[in-house]
Amino acid sequence: LAGSSNKRRRSYRQRQHIDALPDALLEDVAAFLSKSSRALFAVAMMTPSSSWGNFNWNRKPSASGKAILSSSLEQWDVLDFMDIEKSLSNGDVSRILACIDAANNVKILKLTGFVNTGRGLEPVRGSAVIKQIDFSLVDEMKDIEPEPMFSEESVVPILDSIVDARQNSLMYLQLPRR
């Protein structure tokens, strides 16, 4: 009798993982999040935390990630990172951009005040739909701590690929200045 209760308890614990939640429920929860938070939620559902330190630009959203993003994919014209933690790594930014297919969906990309800007922009390489990119280091009212790092070696080739894209739409580029 004691053995059967342990068996039941173990199988109950195995089913408690968030992956076991129905996609419709995740979609309903995501409806209460801002767009950028919804993208972060989808990224969290698309990759195991053990791989978060690695760049994986070609990874497509999982079924759960697609469900989370489904109500907002047509709304990614503007991606403004203002309401996201500024200390995200380049890998985090990369996964967000890849998850929403930013190269084909985002028209205005605002990275105002972002602490790390560099390789994380790889998913927008060659985009023909981006019209505006804002790399401003500070907004009008406050300083950013720690000192922001803008990697020209990583960003310039990505910007070149956008400018060189056939029928590129880029009309405005705000570079960082202190």
C-alpha atoms as a PDB file:
ATOM      1  CA  LEU A   1       0.000   0.000   0.000  1.00  0.00           C
ATOM      2  CA  ALA A   2       2.807   2.422   0.874  1.00  0.00           C
ATOM      3  CA  GLY A   3       4.552   1.651  -2.442  1.00  0.00           C
ATOM      4  CA  SER A   4       1.479   2.541  -4.485  1.00  0.00           C
ATOM      5  CA  SER A   5       1.123   5.939  -2.808  1.00  0.00           C
ATOM      6  CA  ASN A   6       4.774   6.784  -3.671  1.00  0.00           C
ATOM      7  CA  LYS A   7       4.148   5.739  -7.250  1.00  0.00           C
ATOM      8  CA  ARG A   8       1.070   7.949  -7.428  1.00  0.00           C
ATOM      9  CA  ARG A   9       2.927  10.875  -5.848  1.00  0.00           C
ATOM     10  CA  ARG A  10       5.843  10.565  -8.284  1.00  0.00           C
ATOM     11  CA  SER A  11       3.626  10.565 -11.375  1.00  0.00           C
ATOM     12  CA  TYR A  12       1.717  13.559  -9.989  1.00  0.00           C
ATOM     13  CA  ARG A  13       5.001  15.510  -9.620  1.00  0.00           C
ATOM     14  CA  GLN A  14       6.047  14.638 -13.145  1.00  0.00           C
ATOM     15  CA  ARG A  15       2.856  16.201 -14.505  1.00  0.00           C
ATOM     16  CA  GLN A  16       3.395  19.477 -12.617  1.00  0.00           C
ATOM     17  CA  HIS A  17       5.859  20.885 -15.147  1.00  0.00           C
ATOM     18  CA  ILE A  18       4.776  24.040 -16.991  1.00  0.00           C
ATOM     19  CA  ASP A  19       5.240  22.242 -20.325  1.00  0.00           C
ATOM     20  CA  ALA A  20       2.220  20.131 -19.406  1.00  0.00           C
ATOM     21  CA  LEU A  21      -0.100  23.146 -19.381  1.00  0.00           C
ATOM     22  CA  PRO A  22      -2.402  23.413 -22.397  1.00  0.00           C
ATOM     23  CA  ASP A  23      -1.310  25.940 -25.028  1.00  0.00           C
ATOM     24  CA  ALA A  24      -4.704  27.662 -24.806  1.00  0.00           C
ATOM     25  CA  LEU A  25      -4.085  28.379 -21.126  1.00  0.00           C
ATOM     26  CA  LEU A  26      -0.625  29.816 -21.867  1.00  0.00           C
ATOM     27  CA  GLU A  27      -2.170  31.986 -24.582  1.00  0.00           C
ATOM     28  CA  ASP A  28      -4.787  33.284 -22.121  1.00  0.00           C
ATOM     29  CA  VAL A  29      -2.090  34.094 -19.537  1.00  0.00           C
ATOM     30  CA  ALA A  30       0.031  35.842 -22.179  1.00  0.00           C
ATOM     31  CA  ALA A  31      -2.913  38.052 -23.143  1.00  0.00           C
ATOM     32  CA  PHE A  32      -2.357  39.933 -19.872  1.00  0.00           C
ATOM     33  CA  LEU A  33       1.309  40.678 -20.633  1.00  0.00           C
ATOM     34  CA  SER A  34       2.832  43.555 -22.568  1.00  0.00           C
ATOM     35  CA  LYS A  35       4.117  42.628 -26.025  1.00  0.00           C
ATOM     36  CA  SER A  36       7.746  42.574 -24.974  1.00  0.00           C
ATOM     37  CA  SER A  37       6.944  40.542 -21.846  1.00  0.00           C
ATOM     38  CA  ARG A  38       4.962  38.156 -24.022  1.00  0.00           C
ATOM     39  CA  ALA A  39       8.045  37.686 -26.199  1.00  0.00           C
ATOM     40  CA  LEU A  40      10.160  36.969 -23.111  1.00  0.00           C
ATOM     41  CA  PHE A  41       7.565  34.444 -21.926  1.00  0.00           C
ATOM     42  CA  ALA A  42       7.600  32.729 -25.322  1.00  0.00           C
ATOM     43  CA  VAL A  43      11.404  32.605 -25.275  1.00  0.00           C
ATOM     44  CA  ALA A  44      11.324  31.055 -21.812  1.00  0.00           C
ATOM     45  CA  MET A  45       8.942  28.387 -23.087  1.00  0.00           C
ATOM     46  CA  MET A  46      10.960  27.732 -26.234  1.00  0.00           C
ATOM     47  CA  THR A  47      14.349  26.864 -24.726  1.00  0.00           C
ATOM     48  CA  PRO A  48      15.482  25.026 -21.615  1.00  0.00           C
ATOM     49  CA  SER A  49      17.187  27.297 -19.091  1.00  0.00           C
ATOM     50  CA  SER A  50      20.404  25.283 -19.468  1.00  0.00           C
ATOM     51  CA  SER A  51      20.792  26.662 -23.015  1.00  0.00           C
ATOM     52  CA  TRP A  52      20.061  30.320 -22.211  1.00  0.00           C
ATOM     53  CA  GLY A  53      23.740  31.248 -22.299  1.00  0.00           C
ATOM     54  CA  ASN A  54      24.119  30.018 -25.875  1.00  0.00           C
ATOM     55  CA  PHE A  55      23.148  31.863 -29.037  1.00  0.00           C
ATOM     56  CA  ASN A  56      20.621  29.919 -31.078  1.00  0.00           C
ATOM     57  CA  TRP A  57      19.353  32.283 -33.760  1.00  0.00           C
ATOM     58  CA  ASN A  58      17.785  29.638 -35.972  1.00  0.00           C
ATOM     59  CA  ARG A  59      15.532  28.201 -33.294  1.00  0.00           C
ATOM     60  CA  LYS A  60      11.828  28.576 -34.074  1.00  0.00           C
ATOM     61  CA  PRO A  61       9.197  28.959 -31.346  1.00  0.00           C
ATOM     62  CA  SER A  62       7.819  25.766 -29.857  1.00  0.00           C
ATOM     63  CA  ALA A  63       4.096  25.032 -30.009  1.00  0.00           C
ATOM     64  CA  SER A  64       3.781  26.728 -26.608  1.00  0.00           C
ATOM     65  CA  GLY A  65       5.770  29.730 -27.823  1.00  0.00           C
ATOM     66  CA  LYS A  66       3.599  30.019 -30.921  1.00  0.00           C
ATOM     67  CA  ALA A  67       0.469  29.903 -28.771  1.00  0.00           C
ATOM     68  CA  ILE A  68       1.847  32.653 -26.528  1.00  0.00           C
ATOM     69  CA  LEU A  69       2.682  34.854 -29.511  1.00  0.00           C
ATOM     70  CA  SER A  70      -0.324  33.956 -31.675  1.00  0.00           C
ATOM     71  CA  SER A  71      -2.492  36.893 -30.673  1.00  0.00           C
ATOM     72  CA  SER A  72       0.309  39.392 -31.182  1.00  0.00           C
ATOM     73  CA  LEU A  73       2.347  38.353 -34.238  1.00  0.00           C
ATOM     74  CA  GLU A  74       0.561  40.873 -36.418  1.00  0.00           C
ATOM     75  CA  GLN A  75       1.296  43.536 -33.793  1.00  0.00           C
ATOM     76  CA  TRP A  76       5.099  43.420 -33.917  1.00  0.00           C
ATOM     77  CA  ASP A  77       5.439  46.486 -36.151  1.00  0.00           C
ATOM     78  CA  VAL A  78       7.063  48.258 -33.201  1.00  0.00           C
ATOM     79  CA  LEU A  79       9.327  46.470 -30.732  1.00  0.00           C
ATOM     80  CA  ASP A  80      10.273  48.820 -27.922  1.00  0.00           C
ATOM     81  CA  PHE A  81      12.563  47.405 -25.261  1.00  0.00           C
ATOM     82  CA  MET A  82      11.820  50.291 -22.860  1.00  0.00           C
ATOM     83  CA  ASP A  83       9.730  48.097 -20.577  1.00  0.00           C
ATOM     84  CA  ILE A  84      12.272  45.257 -20.522  1.00  0.00           C
ATOM     85  CA  GLU A  85      15.208  44.962 -18.136  1.00  0.00           C
ATOM     86  CA  LYS A  86      18.126  46.807 -19.754  1.00  0.00           C
ATOM     87  CA  SER A  87      20.720  44.276 -18.628  1.00  0.00           C
ATOM     88  CA  LEU A  88      19.529  41.473 -20.886  1.00  0.00           C
ATOM     89  CA  SER A  89      22.374  39.662 -22.572  1.00  0.00           C
ATOM     90  CA  ASN A  90      22.908  39.650 -26.307  1.00  0.00           C
ATOM     91  CA  GLY A  91      21.705  36.046 -26.244  1.00  0.00           C
ATOM     92  CA  ASP A  92      18.427  37.145 -24.624  1.00  0.00           C
ATOM     93  CA  VAL A  93      17.902  39.869 -27.232  1.00  0.00           C
ATOM     94  CA  SER A  94      18.751  37.423 -30.001  1.00  0.00           C
ATOM     95  CA  ARG A  95      16.203  34.866 -28.796  1.00  0.00           C
ATOM     96  CA  ILE A  96      13.487  37.525 -28.499  1.00  0.00           C
ATOM     97  CA  LEU A  97      14.148  38.803 -32.023  1.00  0.00           C
ATOM     98  CA  ALA A  98      14.309  35.275 -33.449  1.00  0.00           C
ATOM     99  CA  CYS A  99      11.166  34.191 -31.614  1.00  0.00           C
ATOM    100  CA  ILE A 100       9.048  36.941 -33.166  1.00  0.00           C
ATOM    101  CA  ASP A 101      10.803  36.679 -36.548  1.00  0.00           C
ATOM    102  CA  ALA A 102      11.846  40.317 -36.232  1.00  0.00           C
ATOM    103  CA  ALA A 103      13.557  40.393 -39.637  1.00  0.00           C
ATOM    104  CA  ASN A 104      10.164  39.929 -41.282  1.00  0.00           C
ATOM    105  CA  ASN A 105       7.795  41.512 -38.733  1.00  0.00           C
ATOM    106  CA  VAL A 106       9.412  44.464 -36.935  1.00  0.00           C
ATOM    107  CA  LYS A 107       9.330  47.842 -38.670  1.00  0.00           C
ATOM    108  CA  ILE A 108      10.526  49.968 -35.745  1.00  0.00           C
ATOM    109  CA  LEU A 109      13.135  48.606 -33.346  1.00  0.00           C
ATOM    110  CA  LYS A 110      13.829  50.700 -30.250  1.00  0.00           C
ATOM    111  CA  LEU A 111      16.759  49.692 -28.071  1.00  0.00           C
ATOM    112  CA  THR A 112      16.881  52.946 -26.113  1.00  0.00           C
ATOM    113  CA  GLY A 113      19.109  52.647 -23.078  1.00  0.00           C
ATOM    114  CA  PHE A 114      20.083  49.065 -23.720  1.00  0.00           C
ATOM    115  CA  VAL A 115      23.220  48.113 -21.817  1.00  0.00           C
ATOM    116  CA  ASN A 116      24.467  45.440 -24.236  1.00  0.00           C
ATOM    117  CA  THR A 117      24.082  45.942 -27.970  1.00  0.00           C
ATOM    118  CA  GLY A 118      25.913  43.690 -30.364  1.00  0.00           C
ATOM    119  CA  ARG A 119      25.629  40.128 -31.608  1.00  0.00           C
ATOM    120  CA  GLY A 120      22.101  39.884 -30.235  1.00  0.00           C
ATOM    121  CA  LEU A 121      20.866  41.784 -33.290  1.00  0.00           C
ATOM    122  CA  GLU A 122      21.891  38.950 -35.617  1.00  0.00           C
ATOM    123  CA  PRO A 123      18.245  37.842 -36.217  1.00  0.00           C
ATOM    124  CA  VAL A 124      17.497  41.137 -38.020  1.00  0.00           C
ATOM    125  CA  ARG A 125      20.418  40.717 -40.418  1.00  0.00           C
ATOM    126  CA  GLY A 126      19.285  41.463 -43.967  1.00  0.00           C
ATOM    127  CA  SER A 127      15.820  42.685 -42.950  1.00  0.00           C
ATOM    128  CA  ALA A 128      14.027  44.560 -45.694  1.00  0.00           C
ATOM    129  CA  VAL A 129      11.082  45.609 -43.505  1.00  0.00           C
ATOM    130  CA  ILE A 130      12.813  47.563 -40.717  1.00  0.00           C
ATOM    131  CA  LYS A 131      12.198  51.272 -41.206  1.00  0.00           C
ATOM    132  CA  GLN A 132      13.641  52.648 -37.985  1.00  0.00           C
ATOM    133  CA  ILE A 133      16.313  51.557 -35.504  1.00  0.00           C
ATOM    134  CA  ASP A 134      16.977  53.541 -32.341  1.00  0.00           C
ATOM    135  CA  PHE A 135      20.167  52.802 -30.400  1.00  0.00           C
ATOM    136  CA  SER A 136      19.922  55.862 -28.121  1.00  0.00           C
ATOM    137  CA  LEU A 137      21.869  55.162 -24.965  1.00  0.00           C
ATOM    138  CA  VAL A 138      19.767  57.292 -22.643  1.00  0.00           C
ATOM    139  CA  ASP A 139      16.272  58.571 -22.678  1.00  0.00           C
ATOM    140  CA  GLU A 140      15.763  62.266 -22.012  1.00  0.00           C
ATOM    141  CA  MET A 141      15.378  62.002 -18.265  1.00  0.00           C
ATOM    142  CA  LYS A 142      17.870  59.494 -16.832  1.00  0.00           C
ATOM    143  CA  ASP A 143      21.342  58.003 -17.030  1.00  0.00           C
ATOM    144  CA  ILE A 144      21.937  54.323 -17.586  1.00  0.00           C
ATOM    145  CA  GLU A 145      23.999  52.259 -15.161  1.00  0.00           C
ATOM    146  CA  PRO A 146      26.190  50.364 -15.811  1.00  0.00           C
ATOM    147  CA  GLU A 147      27.838  52.169 -18.694  1.00  0.00           C
ATOM    148  CA  PRO A 148      26.287  50.856 -21.927  1.00  0.00           C
ATOM    149  CA  MET A 149      28.406  48.826 -24.330  1.00  0.00           C
ATOM    150  CA  PHE A 150      27.802  49.259 -28.045  1.00  0.00           C
ATOM    151  CA  SER A 151      29.773  46.758 -30.115  1.00  0.00           C
ATOM    152  CA  GLU A 152      30.513  48.447 -33.426  1.00  0.00           C
ATOM    153  CA  GLU A 153      32.292  45.297 -34.619  1.00  0.00           C
ATOM    154  CA  SER A 154      29.069  43.313 -34.275  1.00  0.00           C
ATOM    155  CA  VAL A 155      26.432  45.934 -35.113  1.00  0.00           C
ATOM    156  CA  VAL A 156      27.910  47.615 -38.200  1.00  0.00           C
ATOM    157  CA  PRO A 157      27.932  44.439 -40.361  1.00  0.00           C
ATOM    158  CA  ILE A 158      24.310  43.790 -39.367  1.00  0.00           C
ATOM    159  CA  LEU A 159      23.350  47.372 -40.280  1.00  0.00           C
ATOM    160  CA  ASP A 160      25.246  47.015 -43.570  1.00  0.00           C
ATOM    161  CA  SER A 161      23.217  43.909 -44.377  1.00  0.00           C
ATOM    162  CA  ILE A 162      19.977  45.824 -43.745  1.00  0.00           C
ATOM    163  CA  VAL A 163      21.067  48.720 -45.956  1.00  0.00           C
ATOM    164  CA  ASP A 164      22.207  46.268 -48.650  1.00  0.00           C
ATOM    165  CA  ALA A 165      18.953  44.298 -48.523  1.00  0.00           C
ATOM    166  CA  ARG A 166      16.973  44.348 -51.715  1.00  0.00           C
ATOM    167  CA  GLN A 167      14.154  46.896 -51.380  1.00  0.00           C
ATOM    168  CA  ASN A 168      15.300  47.874 -47.883  1.00  0.00           C
ATOM    169  CA  SER A 169      12.922  50.127 -45.945  1.00  0.00           C
ATOM    170  CA  LEU A 170      15.392  51.709 -43.508  1.00  0.00           C
ATOM    171  CA  MET A 171      14.689  55.420 -43.260  1.00  0.00           C
ATOM    172  CA  TYR A 172      15.907  56.354 -39.765  1.00  0.00           C
ATOM    173  CA  LEU A 173      18.871  55.242 -37.690  1.00  0.00           C
ATOM    174  CA  GLN A 174      19.626  56.761 -34.283  1.00  0.00           C
ATOM    175  CA  LEU A 175      23.137  55.844 -33.194  1.00  0.00           C
ATOM    176  CA  PRO A 176      24.258  55.983 -29.560  1.00  0.00           C
ATOM    177  CA  ARG A 177      25.751  59.144 -28.126  1.00  0.00           C
ATOM    178  CA  ARG A 178      26.464  60.220 -24.598  1.00  0.00           C
END
